[in-house]
Amino acid sequence: MKESPRILVVDDSEDIVTMLSRALSRHGFLIDAATSPEEALARADGAAYDAAVVDLVMPGQDGAALAAALRQRIQGLPVALMTAYTRSPLLVAARKAGVKVFSKPLSIQELVGFLKSEIP
């Protein structure tokens, strides 16, 4: 039996982390959550994640930079970037780096579709 995919969810809002964790768990994903970029990077060291869902605007480090750092640690990691800021210059670099951008409010069905299509 194939193991459920592990997803790292990162957002500085605990409410959003909780909501996403519950929603993605219902779709069969195993969730690890972090509420800061630093916590996310610490969790990624030595972990085997199949994908990450990351907020764009967070204190300390933006989500685009975090996505790049995660992808350096875990080669080929699919990353979904969430944002309410559809005109941020950070989005251009994120898209060029192969990160999928989702606008808030987030469609769980679209996010699940992306994750299922990207995880082998």
PDB file of N, CA and C in Angstrom:
ATOM      1  N   MET A   1       0.840  -1.184   0.000  1.00  0.00           N
ATOM      2  CA  MET A   1       0.000   0.000   0.000  1.00  0.00           C
ATOM      3  C   MET A   1       0.886   1.248   0.000  1.00  0.00           C
ATOM      4  N   LYS A   2       0.583   2.191  -0.871  1.00  0.00           N
ATOM      5  CA  LYS A   2       1.366   3.405  -0.980  1.00  0.00           C
ATOM      6  C   LYS A   2       1.088   4.324   0.206  1.00  0.00           C
ATOM      7  N   GLU A   3       2.170   4.918   0.726  1.00  0.00           N
ATOM      8  CA  GLU A   3       2.044   5.834   1.848  1.00  0.00           C
ATOM      9  C   GLU A   3       1.410   7.144   1.388  1.00  0.00           C
ATOM     10  N   SER A   4       0.639   7.769   2.259  1.00  0.00           N
ATOM     11  CA  SER A   4       0.011   9.052   1.934  1.00  0.00           C
ATOM     12  C   SER A   4       1.079  10.124   1.735  1.00  0.00           C
ATOM     13  N   PRO A   5       0.874  11.028   0.780  1.00  0.00           N
ATOM     14  CA  PRO A   5       1.837  12.104   0.542  1.00  0.00           C
ATOM     15  C   PRO A   5       1.939  13.043   1.747  1.00  0.00           C
ATOM     16  N   ARG A   6       3.183  13.487   2.021  1.00  0.00           N
ATOM     17  CA  ARG A   6       3.432  14.427   3.125  1.00  0.00           C
ATOM     18  C   ARG A   6       3.546  15.836   2.573  1.00  0.00           C
ATOM     19  N   ILE A   7       2.755  16.731   3.149  1.00  0.00           N
ATOM     20  CA  ILE A   7       2.710  18.123   2.712  1.00  0.00           C
ATOM     21  C   ILE A   7       3.150  19.019   3.860  1.00  0.00           C
ATOM     22  N   LEU A   8       4.008  19.989   3.565  1.00  0.00           N
ATOM     23  CA  LEU A   8       4.393  21.012   4.534  1.00  0.00           C
ATOM     24  C   LEU A   8       3.550  22.250   4.259  1.00  0.00           C
ATOM     25  N   VAL A   9       2.758  22.670   5.247  1.00  0.00           N
ATOM     26  CA  VAL A   9       1.908  23.854   5.131  1.00  0.00           C
ATOM     27  C   VAL A   9       2.533  24.961   5.969  1.00  0.00           C
ATOM     28  N   VAL A  10       2.770  26.140   5.342  1.00  0.00           N
ATOM     29  CA  VAL A  10       3.433  27.241   6.034  1.00  0.00           C
ATOM     30  C   VAL A  10       2.635  28.528   5.861  1.00  0.00           C
ATOM     31  N   ASP A  11       2.200  29.096   6.969  1.00  0.00           N
ATOM     32  CA  ASP A  11       1.500  30.382   6.976  1.00  0.00           C
ATOM     33  C   ASP A  11       1.664  30.974   8.365  1.00  0.00           C
ATOM     34  N   ASP A  12       1.831  32.288   8.449  1.00  0.00           N
ATOM     35  CA  ASP A  12       1.989  32.907   9.763  1.00  0.00           C
ATOM     36  C   ASP A  12       0.666  33.019  10.519  1.00  0.00           C
ATOM     37  N   SER A  13      -0.435  32.713   9.869  1.00  0.00           N
ATOM     38  CA  SER A  13      -1.744  32.688  10.527  1.00  0.00           C
ATOM     39  C   SER A  13      -2.056  31.262  10.978  1.00  0.00           C
ATOM     40  N   GLU A  14      -2.146  31.067  12.287  1.00  0.00           N
ATOM     41  CA  GLU A  14      -2.467  29.732  12.804  1.00  0.00           C
ATOM     42  C   GLU A  14      -3.836  29.263  12.328  1.00  0.00           C
ATOM     43  N   ASP A  15      -4.779  30.194  12.159  1.00  0.00           N
ATOM     44  CA  ASP A  15      -6.113  29.824  11.677  1.00  0.00           C
ATOM     45  C   ASP A  15      -6.046  29.235  10.269  1.00  0.00           C
ATOM     46  N   ILE A  16      -5.260  29.847   9.403  1.00  0.00           N
ATOM     47  CA  ILE A  16      -5.136  29.343   8.032  1.00  0.00           C
ATOM     48  C   ILE A  16      -4.412  28.001   8.025  1.00  0.00           C
ATOM     49  N   VAL A  17      -3.368  27.871   8.834  1.00  0.00           N
ATOM     50  CA  VAL A  17      -2.653  26.598   8.929  1.00  0.00           C
ATOM     51  C   VAL A  17      -3.608  25.494   9.380  1.00  0.00           C
ATOM     52  N   THR A  18      -4.423  25.784  10.385  1.00  0.00           N
ATOM     53  CA  THR A  18      -5.378  24.790  10.895  1.00  0.00           C
ATOM     54  C   THR A  18      -6.402  24.423   9.830  1.00  0.00           C
ATOM     55  N   MET A  19      -6.961  25.424   9.156  1.00  0.00           N
ATOM     56  CA  MET A  19      -7.968  25.174   8.124  1.00  0.00           C
ATOM     57  C   MET A  19      -7.391  24.341   6.983  1.00  0.00           C
ATOM     58  N   LEU A  20      -6.213  24.719   6.490  1.00  0.00           N
ATOM     59  CA  LEU A  20      -5.594  23.973   5.393  1.00  0.00           C
ATOM     60  C   LEU A  20      -5.217  22.558   5.824  1.00  0.00           C
ATOM     61  N   SER A  21      -4.703  22.427   7.024  1.00  0.00           N
ATOM     62  CA  SER A  21      -4.319  21.102   7.521  1.00  0.00           C
ATOM     63  C   SER A  21      -5.521  20.172   7.571  1.00  0.00           C
ATOM     64  N   ARG A  22      -6.620  20.661   8.095  1.00  0.00           N
ATOM     65  CA  ARG A  22      -7.835  19.841   8.168  1.00  0.00           C
ATOM     66  C   ARG A  22      -8.357  19.493   6.776  1.00  0.00           C
ATOM     67  N   ALA A  23      -8.419  20.500   5.907  1.00  0.00           N
ATOM     68  CA  ALA A  23      -8.963  20.274   4.563  1.00  0.00           C
ATOM     69  C   ALA A  23      -8.103  19.288   3.773  1.00  0.00           C
ATOM     70  N   LEU A  24      -6.797  19.455   3.823  1.00  0.00           N
ATOM     71  CA  LEU A  24      -5.915  18.564   3.063  1.00  0.00           C
ATOM     72  C   LEU A  24      -5.873  17.165   3.669  1.00  0.00           C
ATOM     73  N   SER A  25      -5.987  17.071   4.983  1.00  0.00           N
ATOM     74  CA  SER A  25      -6.042  15.753   5.640  1.00  0.00           C
ATOM     75  C   SER A  25      -7.251  14.962   5.165  1.00  0.00           C
ATOM     76  N   ARG A  26      -8.370  15.648   4.976  1.00  0.00           N
ATOM     77  CA  ARG A  26      -9.585  14.982   4.492  1.00  0.00           C
ATOM     78  C   ARG A  26      -9.404  14.411   3.088  1.00  0.00           C
ATOM     79  N   HIS A  27      -8.428  14.924   2.364  1.00  0.00           N
ATOM     80  CA  HIS A  27      -8.148  14.429   1.012  1.00  0.00           C
ATOM     81  C   HIS A  27      -7.011  13.410   1.009  1.00  0.00           C
ATOM     82  N   GLY A  28      -6.628  12.933   2.181  1.00  0.00           N
ATOM     83  CA  GLY A  28      -5.655  11.854   2.264  1.00  0.00           C
ATOM     84  C   GLY A  28      -4.202  12.255   2.401  1.00  0.00           C
ATOM     85  N   PHE A  29      -3.930  13.534   2.615  1.00  0.00           N
ATOM     86  CA  PHE A  29      -2.552  13.986   2.773  1.00  0.00           C
ATOM     87  C   PHE A  29      -2.154  13.976   4.247  1.00  0.00           C
ATOM     88  N   LEU A  30      -0.883  13.674   4.508  1.00  0.00           N
ATOM     89  CA  LEU A  30      -0.316  13.819   5.847  1.00  0.00           C
ATOM     90  C   LEU A  30       0.269  15.221   5.934  1.00  0.00           C
ATOM     91  N   ILE A  31      -0.053  15.956   6.981  1.00  0.00           N
ATOM     92  CA  ILE A  31       0.315  17.365   7.061  1.00  0.00           C
ATOM     93  C   ILE A  31       1.288  17.628   8.197  1.00  0.00           C
ATOM     94  N   ASP A  32       2.337  18.390   7.888  1.00  0.00           N
ATOM     95  CA  ASP A  32       3.184  19.027   8.889  1.00  0.00           C
ATOM     96  C   ASP A  32       2.961  20.515   8.703  1.00  0.00           C
ATOM     97  N   ALA A  33       2.839  21.232   9.803  1.00  0.00           N
ATOM     98  CA  ALA A  33       2.537  22.657   9.718  1.00  0.00           C
ATOM     99  C   ALA A  33       3.626  23.483  10.386  1.00  0.00           C
ATOM    100  N   ALA A  34       3.848  24.667   9.836  1.00  0.00           N
ATOM    101  CA  ALA A  34       4.784  25.624  10.409  1.00  0.00           C
ATOM    102  C   ALA A  34       4.155  27.008  10.319  1.00  0.00           C
ATOM    103  N   THR A  35       4.430  27.846  11.317  1.00  0.00           N
ATOM    104  CA  THR A  35       3.869  29.197  11.317  1.00  0.00           C
ATOM    105  C   THR A  35       4.933  30.264  11.081  1.00  0.00           C
ATOM    106  N   SER A  36       6.120  29.846  10.653  1.00  0.00           N
ATOM    107  CA  SER A  36       7.163  30.807  10.281  1.00  0.00           C
ATOM    108  C   SER A  36       8.100  30.145   9.274  1.00  0.00           C
ATOM    109  N   PRO A  37       8.767  30.956   8.460  1.00  0.00           N
ATOM    110  CA  PRO A  37       9.740  30.392   7.527  1.00  0.00           C
ATOM    111  C   PRO A  37      10.858  29.629   8.246  1.00  0.00           C
ATOM    112  N   GLU A  38      11.290  30.144   9.389  1.00  0.00           N
ATOM    113  CA  GLU A  38      12.361  29.484  10.137  1.00  0.00           C
ATOM    114  C   GLU A  38      11.934  28.088  10.595  1.00  0.00           C
ATOM    115  N   GLU A  39      10.722  27.993  11.105  1.00  0.00           N
ATOM    116  CA  GLU A  39      10.198  26.696  11.538  1.00  0.00           C
ATOM    117  C   GLU A  39      10.076  25.743  10.343  1.00  0.00           C
ATOM    118  N   ALA A  40       9.635  26.273   9.216  1.00  0.00           N
ATOM    119  CA  ALA A  40       9.489  25.443   8.012  1.00  0.00           C
ATOM    120  C   ALA A  40      10.833  24.879   7.563  1.00  0.00           C
ATOM    121  N   LEU A  41      11.857  25.714   7.555  1.00  0.00           N
ATOM    122  CA  LEU A  41      13.180  25.254   7.131  1.00  0.00           C
ATOM    123  C   LEU A  41      13.742  24.220   8.107  1.00  0.00           C
ATOM    124  N   ALA A  42      13.497  24.423   9.389  1.00  0.00           N
ATOM    125  CA  ALA A  42      13.948  23.443  10.384  1.00  0.00           C
ATOM    126  C   ALA A  42      13.249  22.100  10.167  1.00  0.00           C
ATOM    127  N   ARG A  43      11.954  22.141   9.868  1.00  0.00           N
ATOM    128  CA  ARG A  43      11.206  20.903   9.619  1.00  0.00           C
ATOM    129  C   ARG A  43      11.689  20.215   8.339  1.00  0.00           C
ATOM    130  N   ALA A  44      12.082  21.007   7.349  1.00  0.00           N
ATOM    131  CA  ALA A  44      12.491  20.443   6.058  1.00  0.00           C
ATOM    132  C   ALA A  44      13.845  19.751   6.123  1.00  0.00           C
ATOM    133  N   ASP A  45      14.675  20.125   7.082  1.00  0.00           N
ATOM    134  CA  ASP A  45      15.974  19.467   7.214  1.00  0.00           C
ATOM    135  C   ASP A  45      15.765  18.024   7.641  1.00  0.00           C
ATOM    136  N   GLY A  46      16.099  17.124   6.767  1.00  0.00           N
ATOM    137  CA  GLY A  46      15.973  15.706   7.064  1.00  0.00           C
ATOM    138  C   GLY A  46      14.587  15.128   6.858  1.00  0.00           C
ATOM    139  N   ALA A  47      13.640  15.931   6.408  1.00  0.00           N
ATOM    140  CA  ALA A  47      12.273  15.442   6.194  1.00  0.00           C
ATOM    141  C   ALA A  47      12.080  15.053   4.731  1.00  0.00           C
ATOM    142  N   ALA A  48      11.094  14.218   4.505  1.00  0.00           N
ATOM    143  CA  ALA A  48      10.774  13.778   3.146  1.00  0.00           C
ATOM    144  C   ALA A  48       9.384  14.277   2.781  1.00  0.00           C
ATOM    145  N   TYR A  49       9.301  15.524   2.346  1.00  0.00           N
ATOM    146  CA  TYR A  49       8.017  16.089   1.932  1.00  0.00           C
ATOM    147  C   TYR A  49       7.798  15.842   0.452  1.00  0.00           C
ATOM    148  N   ASP A  50       6.524  15.666   0.103  1.00  0.00           N
ATOM    149  CA  ASP A  50       6.159  15.480  -1.295  1.00  0.00           C
ATOM    150  C   ASP A  50       5.758  16.792  -1.953  1.00  0.00           C
ATOM    151  N   ALA A  51       5.399  17.802  -1.145  1.00  0.00           N
ATOM    152  CA  ALA A  51       5.013  19.120  -1.653  1.00  0.00           C
ATOM    153  C   ALA A  51       4.942  20.082  -0.475  1.00  0.00           C
ATOM    154  N   ALA A  52       4.872  21.379  -0.806  1.00  0.00           N
ATOM    155  CA  ALA A  52       4.710  22.412   0.219  1.00  0.00           C
ATOM    156  C   ALA A  52       3.664  23.410  -0.245  1.00  0.00           C
ATOM    157  N   VAL A  53       2.922  23.943   0.722  1.00  0.00           N
ATOM    158  CA  VAL A  53       1.942  25.000   0.484  1.00  0.00           C
ATOM    159  C   VAL A  53       2.378  26.159   1.370  1.00  0.00           C
ATOM    160  N   VAL A  54       2.726  27.296   0.740  1.00  0.00           N
ATOM    161  CA  VAL A  54       3.404  28.383   1.436  1.00  0.00           C
ATOM    162  C   VAL A  54       2.692  29.708   1.178  1.00  0.00           C
ATOM    163  N   ASP A  55       2.544  30.516   2.235  1.00  0.00           N
ATOM    164  CA  ASP A  55       1.992  31.863   2.090  1.00  0.00           C
ATOM    165  C   ASP A  55       3.080  32.787   1.550  1.00  0.00           C
ATOM    166  N   LEU A  56       2.699  33.788   0.765  1.00  0.00           N
ATOM    167  CA  LEU A  56       3.672  34.713   0.191  1.00  0.00           C
ATOM    168  C   LEU A  56       4.194  35.710   1.217  1.00  0.00           C
ATOM    169  N   VAL A  57       3.289  36.360   1.953  1.00  0.00           N
ATOM    170  CA  VAL A  57       3.689  37.442   2.849  1.00  0.00           C
ATOM    171  C   VAL A  57       3.734  36.931   4.284  1.00  0.00           C
ATOM    172  N   MET A  58       4.960  36.852   4.809  1.00  0.00           N
ATOM    173  CA  MET A  58       5.173  36.417   6.189  1.00  0.00           C
ATOM    174  C   MET A  58       6.306  37.246   6.781  1.00  0.00           C
ATOM    175  N   PRO A  59       6.301  37.424   8.091  1.00  0.00           N
ATOM    176  CA  PRO A  59       7.405  38.150   8.725  1.00  0.00           C
ATOM    177  C   PRO A  59       8.718  37.379   8.590  1.00  0.00           C
ATOM    178  N   GLY A  60       9.792  38.101   8.386  1.00  0.00           N
ATOM    179  CA  GLY A  60      11.113  37.482   8.357  1.00  0.00           C
ATOM    180  C   GLY A  60      11.599  37.100   6.978  1.00  0.00           C
ATOM    181  N   GLN A  61      10.806  36.367   6.245  1.00  0.00           N
ATOM    182  CA  GLN A  61      11.196  35.913   4.908  1.00  0.00           C
ATOM    183  C   GLN A  61       9.929  35.730   4.086  1.00  0.00           C
ATOM    184  N   ASP A  62       9.953  36.226   2.853  1.00  0.00           N
ATOM    185  CA  ASP A  62       8.754  36.068   2.028  1.00  0.00           C
ATOM    186  C   ASP A  62       8.649  34.632   1.527  1.00  0.00           C
ATOM    187  N   GLY A  63       7.437  34.277   1.127  1.00  0.00           N
ATOM    188  CA  GLY A  63       7.165  32.914   0.694  1.00  0.00           C
ATOM    189  C   GLY A  63       7.916  32.505  -0.556  1.00  0.00           C
ATOM    190  N   ALA A  64       8.209  33.454  -1.444  1.00  0.00           N
ATOM    191  CA  ALA A  64       8.961  33.120  -2.656  1.00  0.00           C
ATOM    192  C   ALA A  64      10.380  32.693  -2.294  1.00  0.00           C
ATOM    193  N   ALA A  65      11.011  33.415  -1.373  1.00  0.00           N
ATOM    194  CA  ALA A  65      12.360  33.052  -0.921  1.00  0.00           C
ATOM    195  C   ALA A  65      12.327  31.731  -0.158  1.00  0.00           C
ATOM    196  N   LEU A  66      11.288  31.535   0.650  1.00  0.00           N
ATOM    197  CA  LEU A  66      11.148  30.274   1.379  1.00  0.00           C
ATOM    198  C   LEU A  66      10.984  29.111   0.401  1.00  0.00           C
ATOM    199  N   ALA A  67      10.172  29.305  -0.629  1.00  0.00           N
ATOM    200  CA  ALA A  67       9.973  28.252  -1.631  1.00  0.00           C
ATOM    201  C   ALA A  67      11.306  27.875  -2.276  1.00  0.00           C
ATOM    202  N   ALA A  68      12.110  28.876  -2.615  1.00  0.00           N
ATOM    203  CA  ALA A  68      13.422  28.606  -3.219  1.00  0.00           C
ATOM    204  C   ALA A  68      14.321  27.837  -2.248  1.00  0.00           C
ATOM    205  N   ALA A  69      14.306  28.220  -0.979  1.00  0.00           N
ATOM    206  CA  ALA A  69      15.132  27.536   0.025  1.00  0.00           C
ATOM    207  C   ALA A  69      14.670  26.095   0.229  1.00  0.00           C
ATOM    208  N   LEU A  70      13.364  25.883   0.240  1.00  0.00           N
ATOM    209  CA  LEU A  70      12.840  24.522   0.382  1.00  0.00           C
ATOM    210  C   LEU A  70      13.232  23.660  -0.812  1.00  0.00           C
ATOM    211  N   ARG A  71      13.187  24.253  -2.001  1.00  0.00           N
ATOM    212  CA  ARG A  71      13.520  23.496  -3.211  1.00  0.00           C
ATOM    213  C   ARG A  71      15.020  23.205  -3.302  1.00  0.00           C
ATOM    214  N   GLN A  72      15.844  23.994  -2.621  1.00  0.00           N
ATOM    215  CA  GLN A  72      17.272  23.675  -2.548  1.00  0.00           C
ATOM    216  C   GLN A  72      17.496  22.470  -1.638  1.00  0.00           C
ATOM    217  N   ARG A  73      16.699  22.371  -0.585  1.00  0.00           N
ATOM    218  CA  ARG A  73      16.832  21.251   0.353  1.00  0.00           C
ATOM    219  C   ARG A  73      16.212  19.970  -0.203  1.00  0.00           C
ATOM    220  N   ILE A  74      15.090  20.119  -0.908  1.00  0.00           N
ATOM    221  CA  ILE A  74      14.366  18.961  -1.434  1.00  0.00           C
ATOM    222  C   ILE A  74      14.197  19.179  -2.940  1.00  0.00           C
ATOM    223  N   GLN A  75      15.086  18.592  -3.723  1.00  0.00           N
ATOM    224  CA  GLN A  75      15.089  18.800  -5.171  1.00  0.00           C
ATOM    225  C   GLN A  75      13.747  18.429  -5.797  1.00  0.00           C
ATOM    226  N   GLY A  76      13.255  19.312  -6.666  1.00  0.00           N
ATOM    227  CA  GLY A  76      12.026  19.043  -7.398  1.00  0.00           C
ATOM    228  C   GLY A  76      10.757  19.159  -6.577  1.00  0.00           C
ATOM    229  N   LEU A  77      10.851  19.709  -5.367  1.00  0.00           N
ATOM    230  CA  LEU A  77       9.678  19.825  -4.496  1.00  0.00           C
ATOM    231  C   LEU A  77       8.612  20.703  -5.146  1.00  0.00           C
ATOM    232  N   PRO A  78       7.411  20.176  -5.374  1.00  0.00           N
ATOM    233  CA  PRO A  78       6.326  21.023  -5.863  1.00  0.00           C
ATOM    234  C   PRO A  78       5.910  22.005  -4.760  1.00  0.00           C
ATOM    235  N   VAL A  79       5.773  23.278  -5.128  1.00  0.00           N
ATOM    236  CA  VAL A  79       5.390  24.299  -4.155  1.00  0.00           C
ATOM    237  C   VAL A  79       4.195  25.078  -4.679  1.00  0.00           C
ATOM    238  N   ALA A  80       3.173  25.189  -3.825  1.00  0.00           N
ATOM    239  CA  ALA A  80       2.016  26.040  -4.100  1.00  0.00           C
ATOM    240  C   ALA A  80       2.169  27.278  -3.230  1.00  0.00           C
ATOM    241  N   LEU A  81       2.145  28.441  -3.845  1.00  0.00           N
ATOM    242  CA  LEU A  81       2.299  29.709  -3.140  1.00  0.00           C
ATOM    243  C   LEU A  81       0.945  30.391  -3.065  1.00  0.00           C
ATOM    244  N   MET A  82       0.522  30.748  -1.853  1.00  0.00           N
ATOM    245  CA  MET A  82      -0.780  31.400  -1.654  1.00  0.00           C
ATOM    246  C   MET A  82      -0.568  32.894  -1.440  1.00  0.00           C
ATOM    247  N   THR A  83      -1.431  33.699  -2.054  1.00  0.00           N
ATOM    248  CA  THR A  83      -1.309  35.138  -1.843  1.00  0.00           C
ATOM    249  C   THR A  83      -2.610  35.872  -2.109  1.00  0.00           C
ATOM    250  N   ALA A  84      -2.784  36.954  -1.386  1.00  0.00           N
ATOM    251  CA  ALA A  84      -3.873  37.885  -1.661  1.00  0.00           C
ATOM    252  C   ALA A  84      -3.342  39.051  -2.492  1.00  0.00           C
ATOM    253  N   TYR A  85      -2.016  39.091  -2.678  1.00  0.00           N
ATOM    254  CA  TYR A  85      -1.355  40.181  -3.393  1.00  0.00           C
ATOM    255  C   TYR A  85      -1.034  39.734  -4.812  1.00  0.00           C
ATOM    256  N   THR A  86      -1.976  39.906  -5.713  1.00  0.00           N
ATOM    257  CA  THR A  86      -1.812  39.384  -7.069  1.00  0.00           C
ATOM    258  C   THR A  86      -0.867  40.217  -7.933  1.00  0.00           C
ATOM    259  N   ARG A  87      -0.461  41.377  -7.460  1.00  0.00           N
ATOM    260  CA  ARG A  87       0.437  42.223  -8.246  1.00  0.00           C
ATOM    261  C   ARG A  87       1.828  42.355  -7.618  1.00  0.00           C
ATOM    262  N   SER A  88       2.163  41.507  -6.714  1.00  0.00           N
ATOM    263  CA  SER A  88       3.465  41.575  -6.051  1.00  0.00           C
ATOM    264  C   SER A  88       4.585  41.209  -7.018  1.00  0.00           C
ATOM    265  N   PRO A  89       5.678  41.990  -7.023  1.00  0.00           N
ATOM    266  CA  PRO A  89       6.821  41.645  -7.873  1.00  0.00           C
ATOM    267  C   PRO A  89       7.448  40.300  -7.491  1.00  0.00           C
ATOM    268  N   LEU A  90       7.215  39.851  -6.279  1.00  0.00           N
ATOM    269  CA  LEU A  90       7.738  38.554  -5.847  1.00  0.00           C
ATOM    270  C   LEU A  90       7.141  37.409  -6.659  1.00  0.00           C
ATOM    271  N   LEU A  91       5.945  37.620  -7.190  1.00  0.00           N
ATOM    272  CA  LEU A  91       5.267  36.557  -7.928  1.00  0.00           C
ATOM    273  C   LEU A  91       5.964  36.229  -9.243  1.00  0.00           C
ATOM    274  N   VAL A  92       6.567  37.220  -9.865  1.00  0.00           N
ATOM    275  CA  VAL A  92       7.261  36.993 -11.137  1.00  0.00           C
ATOM    276  C   VAL A  92       8.408  36.008 -10.929  1.00  0.00           C
ATOM    277  N   ALA A  93       9.221  36.258  -9.916  1.00  0.00           N
ATOM    278  CA  ALA A  93      10.348  35.365  -9.631  1.00  0.00           C
ATOM    279  C   ALA A  93       9.861  33.980  -9.229  1.00  0.00           C
ATOM    280  N   ALA A  94       8.797  33.933  -8.459  1.00  0.00           N
ATOM    281  CA  ALA A  94       8.256  32.643  -8.018  1.00  0.00           C
ATOM    282  C   ALA A  94       7.783  31.822  -9.210  1.00  0.00           C
ATOM    283  N   ARG A  95       7.053  32.453 -10.111  1.00  0.00           N
ATOM    284  CA  ARG A  95       6.563  31.732 -11.297  1.00  0.00           C
ATOM    285  C   ARG A  95       7.717  31.250 -12.170  1.00  0.00           C
ATOM    286  N   LYS A  96       8.745  32.096 -12.321  1.00  0.00           N
ATOM    287  CA  LYS A  96       9.909  31.700 -13.122  1.00  0.00           C
ATOM    288  C   LYS A  96      10.631  30.511 -12.501  1.00  0.00           C
ATOM    289  N   ALA A  97      10.553  30.405 -11.184  1.00  0.00           N
ATOM    290  CA  ALA A  97      11.200  29.295 -10.477  1.00  0.00           C
ATOM    291  C   ALA A  97      10.338  28.033 -10.490  1.00  0.00           C
ATOM    292  N   GLY A  98       9.176  28.098 -11.128  1.00  0.00           N
ATOM    293  CA  GLY A  98       8.324  26.922 -11.240  1.00  0.00           C
ATOM    294  C   GLY A  98       7.341  26.726 -10.108  1.00  0.00           C
ATOM    295  N   VAL A  99       7.115  27.777  -9.346  1.00  0.00           N
ATOM    296  CA  VAL A  99       6.168  27.703  -8.230  1.00  0.00           C
ATOM    297  C   VAL A  99       4.772  28.032  -8.747  1.00  0.00           C
ATOM    298  N   LYS A 100       3.788  27.254  -8.354  1.00  0.00           N
ATOM    299  CA  LYS A 100       2.394  27.489  -8.748  1.00  0.00           C
ATOM    300  C   LYS A 100       1.783  28.491  -7.773  1.00  0.00           C
ATOM    301  N   VAL A 101       1.186  29.551  -8.307  1.00  0.00           N
ATOM    302  CA  VAL A 101       0.615  30.611  -7.478  1.00  0.00           C
ATOM    303  C   VAL A 101      -0.902  30.470  -7.425  1.00  0.00           C
ATOM    304  N   PHE A 102      -1.435  30.515  -6.213  1.00  0.00           N
ATOM    305  CA  PHE A 102      -2.876  30.460  -5.968  1.00  0.00           C
ATOM    306  C   PHE A 102      -3.298  31.739  -5.269  1.00  0.00           C
ATOM    307  N   SER A 103      -4.371  32.357  -5.762  1.00  0.00           N
ATOM    308  CA  SER A 103      -4.901  33.573  -5.138  1.00  0.00           C
ATOM    309  C   SER A 103      -5.819  33.221  -3.984  1.00  0.00           C
ATOM    310  N   LYS A 104      -5.751  34.042  -2.947  1.00  0.00           N
ATOM    311  CA  LYS A 104      -6.690  33.915  -1.830  1.00  0.00           C
ATOM    312  C   LYS A 104      -7.923  34.727  -2.174  1.00  0.00           C
ATOM    313  N   PRO A 105      -9.116  34.309  -1.821  1.00  0.00           N
ATOM    314  CA  PRO A 105      -9.394  33.096  -1.062  1.00  0.00           C
ATOM    315  C   PRO A 105      -9.088  31.858  -1.898  1.00  0.00           C
ATOM    316  N   LEU A 106      -8.540  30.883  -1.232  1.00  0.00           N
ATOM    317  CA  LEU A 106      -8.021  29.683  -1.861  1.00  0.00           C
ATOM    318  C   LEU A 106      -9.122  28.675  -2.153  1.00  0.00           C
ATOM    319  N   SER A 107      -9.076  28.083  -3.332  1.00  0.00           N
ATOM    320  CA  SER A 107      -9.976  26.985  -3.671  1.00  0.00           C
ATOM    321  C   SER A 107      -9.281  25.680  -3.281  1.00  0.00           C
ATOM    322  N   ILE A 108      -9.822  25.003  -2.282  1.00  0.00           N
ATOM    323  CA  ILE A 108      -9.235  23.740  -1.830  1.00  0.00           C
ATOM    324  C   ILE A 108      -9.223  22.727  -2.972  1.00  0.00           C
ATOM    325  N   GLN A 109     -10.284  22.694  -3.768  1.00  0.00           N
ATOM    326  CA  GLN A 109     -10.344  21.737  -4.883  1.00  0.00           C
ATOM    327  C   GLN A 109      -9.211  21.980  -5.880  1.00  0.00           C
ATOM    328  N   GLU A 110      -8.935  23.248  -6.198  1.00  0.00           N
ATOM    329  CA  GLU A 110      -7.838  23.557  -7.120  1.00  0.00           C
ATOM    330  C   GLU A 110      -6.496  23.178  -6.512  1.00  0.00           C
ATOM    331  N   LEU A 111      -6.328  23.466  -5.230  1.00  0.00           N
ATOM    332  CA  LEU A 111      -5.081  23.126  -4.552  1.00  0.00           C
ATOM    333  C   LEU A 111      -4.878  21.609  -4.525  1.00  0.00           C
ATOM    334  N   VAL A 112      -5.905  20.868  -4.181  1.00  0.00           N
ATOM    335  CA  VAL A 112      -5.824  19.403  -4.156  1.00  0.00           C
ATOM    336  C   VAL A 112      -5.512  18.874  -5.556  1.00  0.00           C
ATOM    337  N   GLY A 113      -6.152  19.437  -6.572  1.00  0.00           N
ATOM    338  CA  GLY A 113      -5.876  19.026  -7.950  1.00  0.00           C
ATOM    339  C   GLY A 113      -4.417  19.240  -8.320  1.00  0.00           C
ATOM    340  N   PHE A 114      -3.876  20.391  -7.938  1.00  0.00           N
ATOM    341  CA  PHE A 114      -2.461  20.674  -8.193  1.00  0.00           C
ATOM    342  C   PHE A 114      -1.570  19.658  -7.479  1.00  0.00           C
ATOM    343  N   LEU A 115      -1.831  19.443  -6.196  1.00  0.00           N
ATOM    344  CA  LEU A 115      -1.003  18.520  -5.419  1.00  0.00           C
ATOM    345  C   LEU A 115      -1.044  17.112  -6.005  1.00  0.00           C
ATOM    346  N   LYS A 116      -2.226  16.646  -6.353  1.00  0.00           N
ATOM    347  CA  LYS A 116      -2.351  15.291  -6.913  1.00  0.00           C
ATOM    348  C   LYS A 116      -1.667  15.178  -8.272  1.00  0.00           C
ATOM    349  N   SER A 117      -1.687  16.258  -9.048  1.00  0.00           N
ATOM    350  CA  SER A 117      -1.042  16.208 -10.365  1.00  0.00           C
ATOM    351  C   SER A 117       0.482  16.289 -10.265  1.00  0.00           C
ATOM    352  N   GLU A 118       0.995  16.879  -9.201  1.00  0.00           N
ATOM    353  CA  GLU A 118       2.437  17.072  -9.060  1.00  0.00           C
ATOM    354  C   GLU A 118       3.138  15.973  -8.272  1.00  0.00           C
ATOM    355  N   ILE A 119       2.392  15.242  -7.468  1.00  0.00           N
ATOM    356  CA  ILE A 119       2.999  14.202  -6.631  1.00  0.00           C
ATOM    357  C   ILE A 119       2.862  12.862  -7.343  1.00  0.00           C
ATOM    358  N   PRO A 120       4.004  12.211  -7.608  1.00  0.00           N
ATOM    359  CA  PRO A 120       3.944  10.926  -8.326  1.00  0.00           C
ATOM    360  C   PRO A 120       3.259   9.828  -7.533  1.00  0.00           C
TER     361      PRO A 120
END
